[in-house]
């Protein structure tokens, strides 16, 4: 089946970022955000090429498709940089009285 392979491609391209947010990590001195996948392993263009919805745009308007690919690649870089930065933020545990 093609679906699991394409799902992996979505993750590898950054189209579908994988991350975990766990506030309990703050108590152990770890950042609450953990990024699980690095989207630099597959160009967004390669992911989009396997999606019929994007191929239809490419066939109808190749210039628009190229613009959309460039914007998608730019968005992935921005989002990845933001998540990477947030995943390095350490928060002080808040002391709360026992309930």
PDB file of N, CA and C in Angstrom:
ATOM      1  N   UNK A   1       0.841  -1.184   0.000  1.00  0.00           N
ATOM      2  CA  UNK A   1       0.000   0.000   0.000  1.00  0.00           C
ATOM      3  C   UNK A   1       0.886   1.246   0.000  1.00  0.00           C
ATOM      4  N   UNK A   2       0.498   2.234  -0.754  1.00  0.00           N
ATOM      5  CA  UNK A   2       1.265   3.460  -0.934  1.00  0.00           C
ATOM      6  C   UNK A   2       1.108   4.415   0.258  1.00  0.00           C
ATOM      7  N   UNK A   3       0.018   4.333   0.982  1.00  0.00           N
ATOM      8  CA  UNK A   3      -0.308   5.291   2.029  1.00  0.00           C
ATOM      9  C   UNK A   3       0.749   5.394   3.133  1.00  0.00           C
ATOM     10  N   UNK A   4       1.209   4.296   3.751  1.00  0.00           N
ATOM     11  CA  UNK A   4       2.228   4.436   4.796  1.00  0.00           C
ATOM     12  C   UNK A   4       3.522   5.061   4.278  1.00  0.00           C
ATOM     13  N   UNK A   5       3.887   4.741   3.049  1.00  0.00           N
ATOM     14  CA  UNK A   5       5.090   5.330   2.462  1.00  0.00           C
ATOM     15  C   UNK A   5       4.914   6.834   2.293  1.00  0.00           C
ATOM     16  N   UNK A   6       3.759   7.242   1.816  1.00  0.00           N
ATOM     17  CA  UNK A   6       3.509   8.667   1.608  1.00  0.00           C
ATOM     18  C   UNK A   6       3.406   9.392   2.949  1.00  0.00           C
ATOM     19  N   UNK A   7       2.881   8.735   3.957  1.00  0.00           N
ATOM     20  CA  UNK A   7       2.844   9.347   5.287  1.00  0.00           C
ATOM     21  C   UNK A   7       4.259   9.598   5.791  1.00  0.00           C
ATOM     22  N   UNK A   8       5.143   8.651   5.577  1.00  0.00           N
ATOM     23  CA  UNK A   8       6.539   8.824   5.986  1.00  0.00           C
ATOM     24  C   UNK A   8       7.189   9.972   5.212  1.00  0.00           C
ATOM     25  N   UNK A   9       6.838  10.088   3.934  1.00  0.00           N
ATOM     26  CA  UNK A   9       7.376  11.171   3.111  1.00  0.00           C
ATOM     27  C   UNK A   9       6.876  12.528   3.614  1.00  0.00           C
ATOM     28  N   UNK A  10       5.629  12.592   4.051  1.00  0.00           N
ATOM     29  CA  UNK A  10       5.081  13.839   4.606  1.00  0.00           C
ATOM     30  C   UNK A  10       5.862  14.255   5.848  1.00  0.00           C
ATOM     31  N   UNK A  11       6.209  13.287   6.670  1.00  0.00           N
ATOM     32  CA  UNK A  11       6.997  13.567   7.878  1.00  0.00           C
ATOM     33  C   UNK A  11       8.417  13.982   7.504  1.00  0.00           C
ATOM     34  N   UNK A  12       9.034  13.233   6.615  1.00  0.00           N
ATOM     35  CA  UNK A  12      10.424  13.503   6.239  1.00  0.00           C
ATOM     36  C   UNK A  12      10.592  14.840   5.530  1.00  0.00           C
ATOM     37  N   UNK A  13       9.548  15.304   4.853  1.00  0.00           N
ATOM     38  CA  UNK A  13       9.631  16.578   4.133  1.00  0.00           C
ATOM     39  C   UNK A  13       9.296  17.768   5.022  1.00  0.00           C
ATOM     40  N   UNK A  14       8.707  17.507   6.177  1.00  0.00           N
ATOM     41  CA  UNK A  14       8.297  18.587   7.057  1.00  0.00           C
ATOM     42  C   UNK A  14       6.881  19.052   6.805  1.00  0.00           C
ATOM     43  N   UNK A  15       6.197  18.460   5.837  1.00  0.00           N
ATOM     44  CA  UNK A  15       4.800  18.817   5.594  1.00  0.00           C
ATOM     45  C   UNK A  15       3.949  18.461   6.811  1.00  0.00           C
ATOM     46  N   UNK A  16       4.347  17.415   7.502  1.00  0.00           N
ATOM     47  CA  UNK A  16       3.641  16.976   8.706  1.00  0.00           C
ATOM     48  C   UNK A  16       4.677  16.838   9.815  1.00  0.00           C
ATOM     49  N   UNK A  17       4.896  17.903  10.584  1.00  0.00           N
ATOM     50  CA  UNK A  17       5.925  17.838  11.626  1.00  0.00           C
ATOM     51  C   UNK A  17       5.496  16.940  12.782  1.00  0.00           C
ATOM     52  N   UNK A  18       6.451  16.218  13.326  1.00  0.00           N
ATOM     53  CA  UNK A  18       6.186  15.387  14.497  1.00  0.00           C
ATOM     54  C   UNK A  18       6.865  16.017  15.701  1.00  0.00           C
ATOM     55  N   UNK A  19       6.078  16.238  16.721  1.00  0.00           N
ATOM     56  CA  UNK A  19       6.623  16.797  17.952  1.00  0.00           C
ATOM     57  C   UNK A  19       5.741  16.361  19.115  1.00  0.00           C
ATOM     58  N   UNK A  20       6.310  16.465  20.305  1.00  0.00           N
ATOM     59  CA  UNK A  20       5.566  16.173  21.522  1.00  0.00           C
ATOM     60  C   UNK A  20       5.677  17.370  22.448  1.00  0.00           C
ATOM     61  N   UNK A  21       4.583  17.719  23.075  1.00  0.00           N
ATOM     62  CA  UNK A  21       4.591  18.746  24.104  1.00  0.00           C
ATOM     63  C   UNK A  21       4.138  18.077  25.388  1.00  0.00           C
ATOM     64  N   UNK A  22       5.042  18.022  26.349  1.00  0.00           N
ATOM     65  CA  UNK A  22       4.764  17.357  27.615  1.00  0.00           C
ATOM     66  C   UNK A  22       5.189  18.267  28.759  1.00  0.00           C
ATOM     67  N   UNK A  23       4.238  18.981  29.367  1.00  0.00           N
ATOM     68  CA  UNK A  23       4.572  19.885  30.460  1.00  0.00           C
ATOM     69  C   UNK A  23       5.247  19.177  31.645  1.00  0.00           C
ATOM     70  N   UNK A  24       5.053  17.877  31.786  1.00  0.00           N
ATOM     71  CA  UNK A  24       5.682  17.140  32.888  1.00  0.00           C
ATOM     72  C   UNK A  24       7.205  17.153  32.759  1.00  0.00           C
ATOM     73  N   UNK A  25       7.735  17.373  31.563  1.00  0.00           N
ATOM     74  CA  UNK A  25       9.181  17.414  31.374  1.00  0.00           C
ATOM     75  C   UNK A  25       9.807  18.617  32.088  1.00  0.00           C
ATOM     76  N   UNK A  26       9.014  19.641  32.349  1.00  0.00           N
ATOM     77  CA  UNK A  26       9.529  20.830  33.029  1.00  0.00           C
ATOM     78  C   UNK A  26      10.072  20.455  34.408  1.00  0.00           C
ATOM     79  N   UNK A  27       9.388  19.554  35.102  1.00  0.00           N
ATOM     80  CA  UNK A  27       9.829  19.145  36.448  1.00  0.00           C
ATOM     81  C   UNK A  27      11.191  18.490  36.445  1.00  0.00           C
ATOM     82  N   UNK A  28      11.577  17.905  35.327  1.00  0.00           N
ATOM     83  CA  UNK A  28      12.887  17.233  35.255  1.00  0.00           C
ATOM     84  C   UNK A  28      13.947  18.139  34.612  1.00  0.00           C
ATOM     85  N   UNK A  29      13.604  19.413  34.388  1.00  0.00           N
ATOM     86  CA  UNK A  29      14.556  20.350  33.823  1.00  0.00           C
ATOM     87  C   UNK A  29      14.681  20.282  32.315  1.00  0.00           C
ATOM     88  N   UNK A  30      13.792  19.562  31.681  1.00  0.00           N
ATOM     89  CA  UNK A  30      13.828  19.434  30.222  1.00  0.00           C
ATOM     90  C   UNK A  30      12.829  20.399  29.591  1.00  0.00           C
ATOM     91  N   UNK A  31      13.092  20.799  28.354  1.00  0.00           N
ATOM     92  CA  UNK A  31      12.103  21.633  27.650  1.00  0.00           C
ATOM     93  C   UNK A  31      10.815  20.832  27.433  1.00  0.00           C
ATOM     94  N   UNK A  32       9.668  21.461  27.555  1.00  0.00           N
ATOM     95  CA  UNK A  32       8.414  20.722  27.372  1.00  0.00           C
ATOM     96  C   UNK A  32       8.167  20.299  25.927  1.00  0.00           C
ATOM     97  N   UNK A  33       8.795  20.986  24.960  1.00  0.00           N
ATOM     98  CA  UNK A  33       8.609  20.631  23.553  1.00  0.00           C
ATOM     99  C   UNK A  33       9.772  19.782  23.077  1.00  0.00           C
ATOM    100  N   UNK A  34       9.451  18.676  22.432  1.00  0.00           N
ATOM    101  CA  UNK A  34      10.472  17.797  21.855  1.00  0.00           C
ATOM    102  C   UNK A  34      10.100  17.528  20.401  1.00  0.00           C
ATOM    103  N   UNK A  35      11.005  17.878  19.488  1.00  0.00           N
ATOM    104  CA  UNK A  35      10.769  17.644  18.059  1.00  0.00           C
ATOM    105  C   UNK A  35      11.257  16.243  17.725  1.00  0.00           C
ATOM    106  N   UNK A  36      10.369  15.431  17.160  1.00  0.00           N
ATOM    107  CA  UNK A  36      10.680  14.029  16.882  1.00  0.00           C
ATOM    108  C   UNK A  36      11.203  13.770  15.477  1.00  0.00           C
ATOM    109  N   UNK A  37      10.962  14.670  14.548  1.00  0.00           N
ATOM    110  CA  UNK A  37      11.384  14.420  13.166  1.00  0.00           C
ATOM    111  C   UNK A  37      12.048  15.670  12.602  1.00  0.00           C
ATOM    112  N   UNK A  38      13.121  15.460  11.892  1.00  0.00           N
ATOM    113  CA  UNK A  38      13.836  16.549  11.244  1.00  0.00           C
ATOM    114  C   UNK A  38      13.427  16.572   9.775  1.00  0.00           C
ATOM    115  N   UNK A  39      12.761  17.645   9.313  1.00  0.00           N
ATOM    116  CA  UNK A  39      12.212  17.643   7.960  1.00  0.00           C
ATOM    117  C   UNK A  39      13.207  17.867   6.836  1.00  0.00           C
ATOM    118  N   UNK A  40      14.472  17.866   7.131  1.00  0.00           N
ATOM    119  CA  UNK A  40      15.432  18.135   6.064  1.00  0.00           C
ATOM    120  C   UNK A  40      15.807  16.889   5.275  1.00  0.00           C
ATOM    121  N   UNK A  41      15.264  15.748   5.597  1.00  0.00           N
ATOM    122  CA  UNK A  41      15.689  14.515   4.935  1.00  0.00           C
ATOM    123  C   UNK A  41      15.033  14.271   3.571  1.00  0.00           C
ATOM    124  N   UNK A  42      13.994  15.025   3.230  1.00  0.00           N
ATOM    125  CA  UNK A  42      13.334  14.872   1.928  1.00  0.00           C
ATOM    126  C   UNK A  42      12.848  16.241   1.466  1.00  0.00           C
ATOM    127  N   UNK A  43      13.231  16.653   0.275  1.00  0.00           N
ATOM    128  CA  UNK A  43      12.728  17.941  -0.211  1.00  0.00           C
ATOM    129  C   UNK A  43      11.205  17.930  -0.338  1.00  0.00           C
ATOM    130  N   UNK A  44      10.597  19.044  -0.004  1.00  0.00           N
ATOM    131  CA  UNK A  44       9.143  19.174  -0.101  1.00  0.00           C
ATOM    132  C   UNK A  44       8.672  18.873  -1.519  1.00  0.00           C
ATOM    133  N   UNK A  45       9.455  19.260  -2.506  1.00  0.00           N
ATOM    134  CA  UNK A  45       9.116  19.009  -3.916  1.00  0.00           C
ATOM    135  C   UNK A  45       8.894  17.506  -4.157  1.00  0.00           C
ATOM    136  N   UNK A  46       9.746  16.668  -3.566  1.00  0.00           N
ATOM    137  CA  UNK A  46       9.627  15.219  -3.761  1.00  0.00           C
ATOM    138  C   UNK A  46       8.351  14.681  -3.117  1.00  0.00           C
ATOM    139  N   UNK A  47       7.985  15.235  -1.976  1.00  0.00           N
ATOM    140  CA  UNK A  47       6.727  14.833  -1.335  1.00  0.00           C
ATOM    141  C   UNK A  47       5.541  15.269  -2.197  1.00  0.00           C
ATOM    142  N   UNK A  48       5.558  16.525  -2.625  1.00  0.00           N
ATOM    143  CA  UNK A  48       4.430  17.067  -3.382  1.00  0.00           C
ATOM    144  C   UNK A  48       4.243  16.355  -4.717  1.00  0.00           C
ATOM    145  N   UNK A  49       5.326  15.893  -5.298  1.00  0.00           N
ATOM    146  CA  UNK A  49       5.262  15.200  -6.588  1.00  0.00           C
ATOM    147  C   UNK A  49       4.414  13.918  -6.499  1.00  0.00           C
ATOM    148  N   UNK A  50       4.328  13.336  -5.328  1.00  0.00           N
ATOM    149  CA  UNK A  50       3.577  12.086  -5.146  1.00  0.00           C
ATOM    150  C   UNK A  50       2.126  12.310  -4.730  1.00  0.00           C
ATOM    151  N   UNK A  51       1.720  13.567  -4.615  1.00  0.00           N
ATOM    152  CA  UNK A  51       0.344  13.888  -4.221  1.00  0.00           C
ATOM    153  C   UNK A  51      -0.452  14.340  -5.447  1.00  0.00           C
ATOM    154  N   UNK A  52      -1.552  13.654  -5.734  1.00  0.00           N
ATOM    155  CA  UNK A  52      -2.360  13.980  -6.914  1.00  0.00           C
ATOM    156  C   UNK A  52      -2.869  15.419  -6.866  1.00  0.00           C
ATOM    157  N   UNK A  53      -3.210  15.912  -5.707  1.00  0.00           N
ATOM    158  CA  UNK A  53      -3.744  17.269  -5.590  1.00  0.00           C
ATOM    159  C   UNK A  53      -2.729  18.311  -6.067  1.00  0.00           C
ATOM    160  N   UNK A  54      -1.448  18.041  -5.830  1.00  0.00           N
ATOM    161  CA  UNK A  54      -0.420  18.981  -6.287  1.00  0.00           C
ATOM    162  C   UNK A  54      -0.066  18.741  -7.759  1.00  0.00           C
ATOM    163  N   UNK A  55      -0.099  17.503  -8.191  1.00  0.00           N
ATOM    164  CA  UNK A  55       0.166  17.207  -9.604  1.00  0.00           C
ATOM    165  C   UNK A  55      -0.872  17.866 -10.502  1.00  0.00           C
ATOM    166  N   UNK A  56      -2.124  17.931 -10.033  1.00  0.00           N
ATOM    167  CA  UNK A  56      -3.182  18.586 -10.815  1.00  0.00           C
ATOM    168  C   UNK A  56      -2.867  20.070 -10.993  1.00  0.00           C
ATOM    169  N   UNK A  57      -2.389  20.706  -9.947  1.00  0.00           N
ATOM    170  CA  UNK A  57      -2.013  22.121 -10.058  1.00  0.00           C
ATOM    171  C   UNK A  57      -0.858  22.260 -11.033  1.00  0.00           C
ATOM    172  N   UNK A  58       0.113  21.365 -10.942  1.00  0.00           N
ATOM    173  CA  UNK A  58       1.270  21.418 -11.832  1.00  0.00           C
ATOM    174  C   UNK A  58       0.845  21.293 -13.298  1.00  0.00           C
ATOM    175  N   UNK A  59      -0.089  20.388 -13.571  1.00  0.00           N
ATOM    176  CA  UNK A  59      -0.545  20.198 -14.955  1.00  0.00           C
ATOM    177  C   UNK A  59      -1.319  21.410 -15.472  1.00  0.00           C
ATOM    178  N   UNK A  60      -2.114  22.032 -14.608  1.00  0.00           N
ATOM    179  CA  UNK A  60      -2.944  23.154 -15.042  1.00  0.00           C
ATOM    180  C   UNK A  60      -2.173  24.465 -15.105  1.00  0.00           C
ATOM    181  N   UNK A  61      -1.240  24.648 -14.167  1.00  0.00           N
ATOM    182  CA  UNK A  61      -0.535  25.927 -14.102  1.00  0.00           C
ATOM    183  C   UNK A  61       0.867  25.706 -13.530  1.00  0.00           C
ATOM    184  N   UNK A  62       1.821  25.312 -14.391  1.00  0.00           N
ATOM    185  CA  UNK A  62       3.178  24.999 -13.920  1.00  0.00           C
ATOM    186  C   UNK A  62       3.861  26.148 -13.169  1.00  0.00           C
ATOM    187  N   UNK A  63       3.606  27.377 -13.592  1.00  0.00           N
ATOM    188  CA  UNK A  63       4.231  28.512 -12.898  1.00  0.00           C
ATOM    189  C   UNK A  63       3.684  28.652 -11.476  1.00  0.00           C
ATOM    190  N   UNK A  64       2.388  28.503 -11.335  1.00  0.00           N
ATOM    191  CA  UNK A  64       1.775  28.573  -9.999  1.00  0.00           C
ATOM    192  C   UNK A  64       2.295  27.434  -9.128  1.00  0.00           C
ATOM    193  N   UNK A  65       2.415  26.256  -9.713  1.00  0.00           N
ATOM    194  CA  UNK A  65       2.936  25.105  -8.974  1.00  0.00           C
ATOM    195  C   UNK A  65       4.336  25.401  -8.449  1.00  0.00           C
ATOM    196  N   UNK A  66       5.202  25.940  -9.279  1.00  0.00           N
ATOM    197  CA  UNK A  66       6.567  26.262  -8.849  1.00  0.00           C
ATOM    198  C   UNK A  66       6.550  27.275  -7.707  1.00  0.00           C
ATOM    199  N   UNK A  67       5.656  28.234  -7.795  1.00  0.00           N
ATOM    200  CA  UNK A  67       5.523  29.221  -6.717  1.00  0.00           C
ATOM    201  C   UNK A  67       5.073  28.535  -5.422  1.00  0.00           C
ATOM    202  N   UNK A  68       4.093  27.651  -5.533  1.00  0.00           N
ATOM    203  CA  UNK A  68       3.587  26.950  -4.351  1.00  0.00           C
ATOM    204  C   UNK A  68       4.659  26.048  -3.735  1.00  0.00           C
ATOM    205  N   UNK A  69       5.445  25.379  -4.547  1.00  0.00           N
ATOM    206  CA  UNK A  69       6.526  24.537  -4.037  1.00  0.00           C
ATOM    207  C   UNK A  69       7.536  25.394  -3.272  1.00  0.00           C
ATOM    208  N   UNK A  70       7.926  26.512  -3.873  1.00  0.00           N
ATOM    209  CA  UNK A  70       8.893  27.397  -3.215  1.00  0.00           C
ATOM    210  C   UNK A  70       8.353  27.911  -1.889  1.00  0.00           C
ATOM    211  N   UNK A  71       7.081  28.301  -1.860  1.00  0.00           N
ATOM    212  CA  UNK A  71       6.480  28.792  -0.617  1.00  0.00           C
ATOM    213  C   UNK A  71       6.371  27.679   0.434  1.00  0.00           C
ATOM    214  N   UNK A  72       6.049  26.473  -0.004  1.00  0.00           N
ATOM    215  CA  UNK A  72       5.958  25.344   0.931  1.00  0.00           C
ATOM    216  C   UNK A  72       7.325  25.046   1.522  1.00  0.00           C
ATOM    217  N   UNK A  73       8.356  25.065   0.699  1.00  0.00           N
ATOM    218  CA  UNK A  73       9.710  24.815   1.197  1.00  0.00           C
ATOM    219  C   UNK A  73      10.133  25.906   2.176  1.00  0.00           C
ATOM    220  N   UNK A  74       9.782  27.143   1.874  1.00  0.00           N
ATOM    221  CA  UNK A  74      10.086  28.270   2.773  1.00  0.00           C
ATOM    222  C   UNK A  74       9.346  28.098   4.099  1.00  0.00           C
ATOM    223  N   UNK A  75       8.082  27.744   4.042  1.00  0.00           N
ATOM    224  CA  UNK A  75       7.279  27.568   5.257  1.00  0.00           C
ATOM    225  C   UNK A  75       7.837  26.447   6.140  1.00  0.00           C
ATOM    226  N   UNK A  76       8.300  25.373   5.516  1.00  0.00           N
ATOM    227  CA  UNK A  76       8.886  24.261   6.280  1.00  0.00           C
ATOM    228  C   UNK A  76      10.134  24.728   7.017  1.00  0.00           C
ATOM    229  N   UNK A  77      10.980  25.492   6.333  1.00  0.00           N
ATOM    230  CA  UNK A  77      12.203  26.003   6.985  1.00  0.00           C
ATOM    231  C   UNK A  77      11.865  26.902   8.167  1.00  0.00           C
ATOM    232  N   UNK A  78      10.908  27.802   7.973  1.00  0.00           N
ATOM    233  CA  UNK A  78      10.511  28.717   9.044  1.00  0.00           C
ATOM    234  C   UNK A  78       9.938  27.943  10.220  1.00  0.00           C
ATOM    235  N   UNK A  79       9.023  27.016   9.946  1.00  0.00           N
ATOM    236  CA  UNK A  79       8.405  26.241  11.019  1.00  0.00           C
ATOM    237  C   UNK A  79       9.446  25.386  11.739  1.00  0.00           C
ATOM    238  N   UNK A  80      10.338  24.761  10.976  1.00  0.00           N
ATOM    239  CA  UNK A  80      11.374  23.940  11.596  1.00  0.00           C
ATOM    240  C   UNK A  80      12.263  24.782  12.500  1.00  0.00           C
ATOM    241  N   UNK A  81      12.677  25.959  12.031  1.00  0.00           N
ATOM    242  CA  UNK A  81      13.518  26.831  12.847  1.00  0.00           C
ATOM    243  C   UNK A  81      12.793  27.270  14.118  1.00  0.00           C
ATOM    244  N   UNK A  82      11.511  27.583  14.003  1.00  0.00           N
ATOM    245  CA  UNK A  82      10.734  27.985  15.169  1.00  0.00           C
ATOM    246  C   UNK A  82      10.617  26.841  16.174  1.00  0.00           C
ATOM    247  N   UNK A  83      10.249  25.657  15.697  1.00  0.00           N
ATOM    248  CA  UNK A  83      10.115  24.510  16.601  1.00  0.00           C
ATOM    249  C   UNK A  83      11.455  24.149  17.236  1.00  0.00           C
ATOM    250  N   UNK A  84      12.533  24.248  16.468  1.00  0.00           N
ATOM    251  CA  UNK A  84      13.858  23.958  17.024  1.00  0.00           C
ATOM    252  C   UNK A  84      14.183  24.951  18.133  1.00  0.00           C
ATOM    253  N   UNK A  85      13.873  26.205  17.906  1.00  0.00           N
ATOM    254  CA  UNK A  85      14.118  27.222  18.930  1.00  0.00           C
ATOM    255  C   UNK A  85      13.256  26.956  20.170  1.00  0.00           C
ATOM    256  N   UNK A  86      11.979  26.678  19.970  1.00  0.00           N
ATOM    257  CA  UNK A  86      11.088  26.410  21.101  1.00  0.00           C
ATOM    258  C   UNK A  86      11.493  25.150  21.865  1.00  0.00           C
ATOM    259  N   UNK A  87      12.084  24.187  21.163  1.00  0.00           N
ATOM    260  CA  UNK A  87      12.466  22.944  21.837  1.00  0.00           C
ATOM    261  C   UNK A  87      13.694  23.126  22.724  1.00  0.00           C
ATOM    262  N   UNK A  88      14.303  24.304  22.685  1.00  0.00           N
ATOM    263  CA  UNK A  88      15.442  24.588  23.555  1.00  0.00           C
ATOM    264  C   UNK A  88      15.070  25.477  24.738  1.00  0.00           C
ATOM    265  N   UNK A  89      13.793  25.839  24.840  1.00  0.00           N
ATOM    266  CA  UNK A  89      13.338  26.699  25.926  1.00  0.00           C
ATOM    267  C   UNK A  89      13.144  25.870  27.189  1.00  0.00           C
ATOM    268  N   UNK A  90      13.882  26.241  28.220  1.00  0.00           N
ATOM    269  CA  UNK A  90      13.748  25.590  29.525  1.00  0.00           C
ATOM    270  C   UNK A  90      12.919  26.497  30.431  1.00  0.00           C
ATOM    271  N   UNK A  91      12.000  25.922  31.140  1.00  0.00           N
ATOM    272  CA  UNK A  91      11.151  26.671  32.054  1.00  0.00           C
ATOM    273  C   UNK A  91      11.425  26.227  33.483  1.00  0.00           C
ATOM    274  N   UNK A  92      11.321  27.163  34.398  1.00  0.00           N
ATOM    275  CA  UNK A  92      11.474  26.820  35.811  1.00  0.00           C
ATOM    276  C   UNK A  92      10.212  26.137  36.295  1.00  0.00           C
ATOM    277  N   UNK A  93      10.374  25.053  37.035  1.00  0.00           N
ATOM    278  CA  UNK A  93       9.188  24.404  37.595  1.00  0.00           C
ATOM    279  C   UNK A  93       8.492  25.349  38.578  1.00  0.00           C
ATOM    280  N   UNK A  94       7.207  25.329  38.557  1.00  0.00           N
ATOM    281  CA  UNK A  94       6.436  26.160  39.473  1.00  0.00           C
ATOM    282  C   UNK A  94       6.157  25.331  40.725  1.00  0.00           C
ATOM    283  N   UNK A  95       6.571  25.861  41.858  1.00  0.00           N
ATOM    284  CA  UNK A  95       6.307  25.191  43.127  1.00  0.00           C
ATOM    285  C   UNK A  95       4.845  25.408  43.498  1.00  0.00           C
ATOM    286  N   UNK A  96       4.123  24.306  43.627  1.00  0.00           N
ATOM    287  CA  UNK A  96       2.730  24.402  44.025  1.00  0.00           C
ATOM    288  C   UNK A  96       2.550  23.621  45.314  1.00  0.00           C
ATOM    289  N   UNK A  97       1.752  24.157  46.193  1.00  0.00           N
ATOM    290  CA  UNK A  97       1.499  23.397  47.431  1.00  0.00           C
ATOM    291  C   UNK A  97       0.760  22.110  47.113  1.00  0.00           C
ATOM    292  N   UNK A  98       1.010  21.104  47.917  1.00  0.00           N
ATOM    293  CA  UNK A  98       0.308  19.825  47.731  1.00  0.00           C
ATOM    294  C   UNK A  98      -1.184  20.035  47.914  1.00  0.00           C
ATOM    295  N   UNK A  99      -1.933  19.393  47.051  1.00  0.00           N
ATOM    296  CA  UNK A  99      -3.411  19.499  47.141  1.00  0.00           C
ATOM    297  C   UNK A  99      -3.944  18.589  48.209  1.00  0.00           C
TER     298      UNK A  99
END
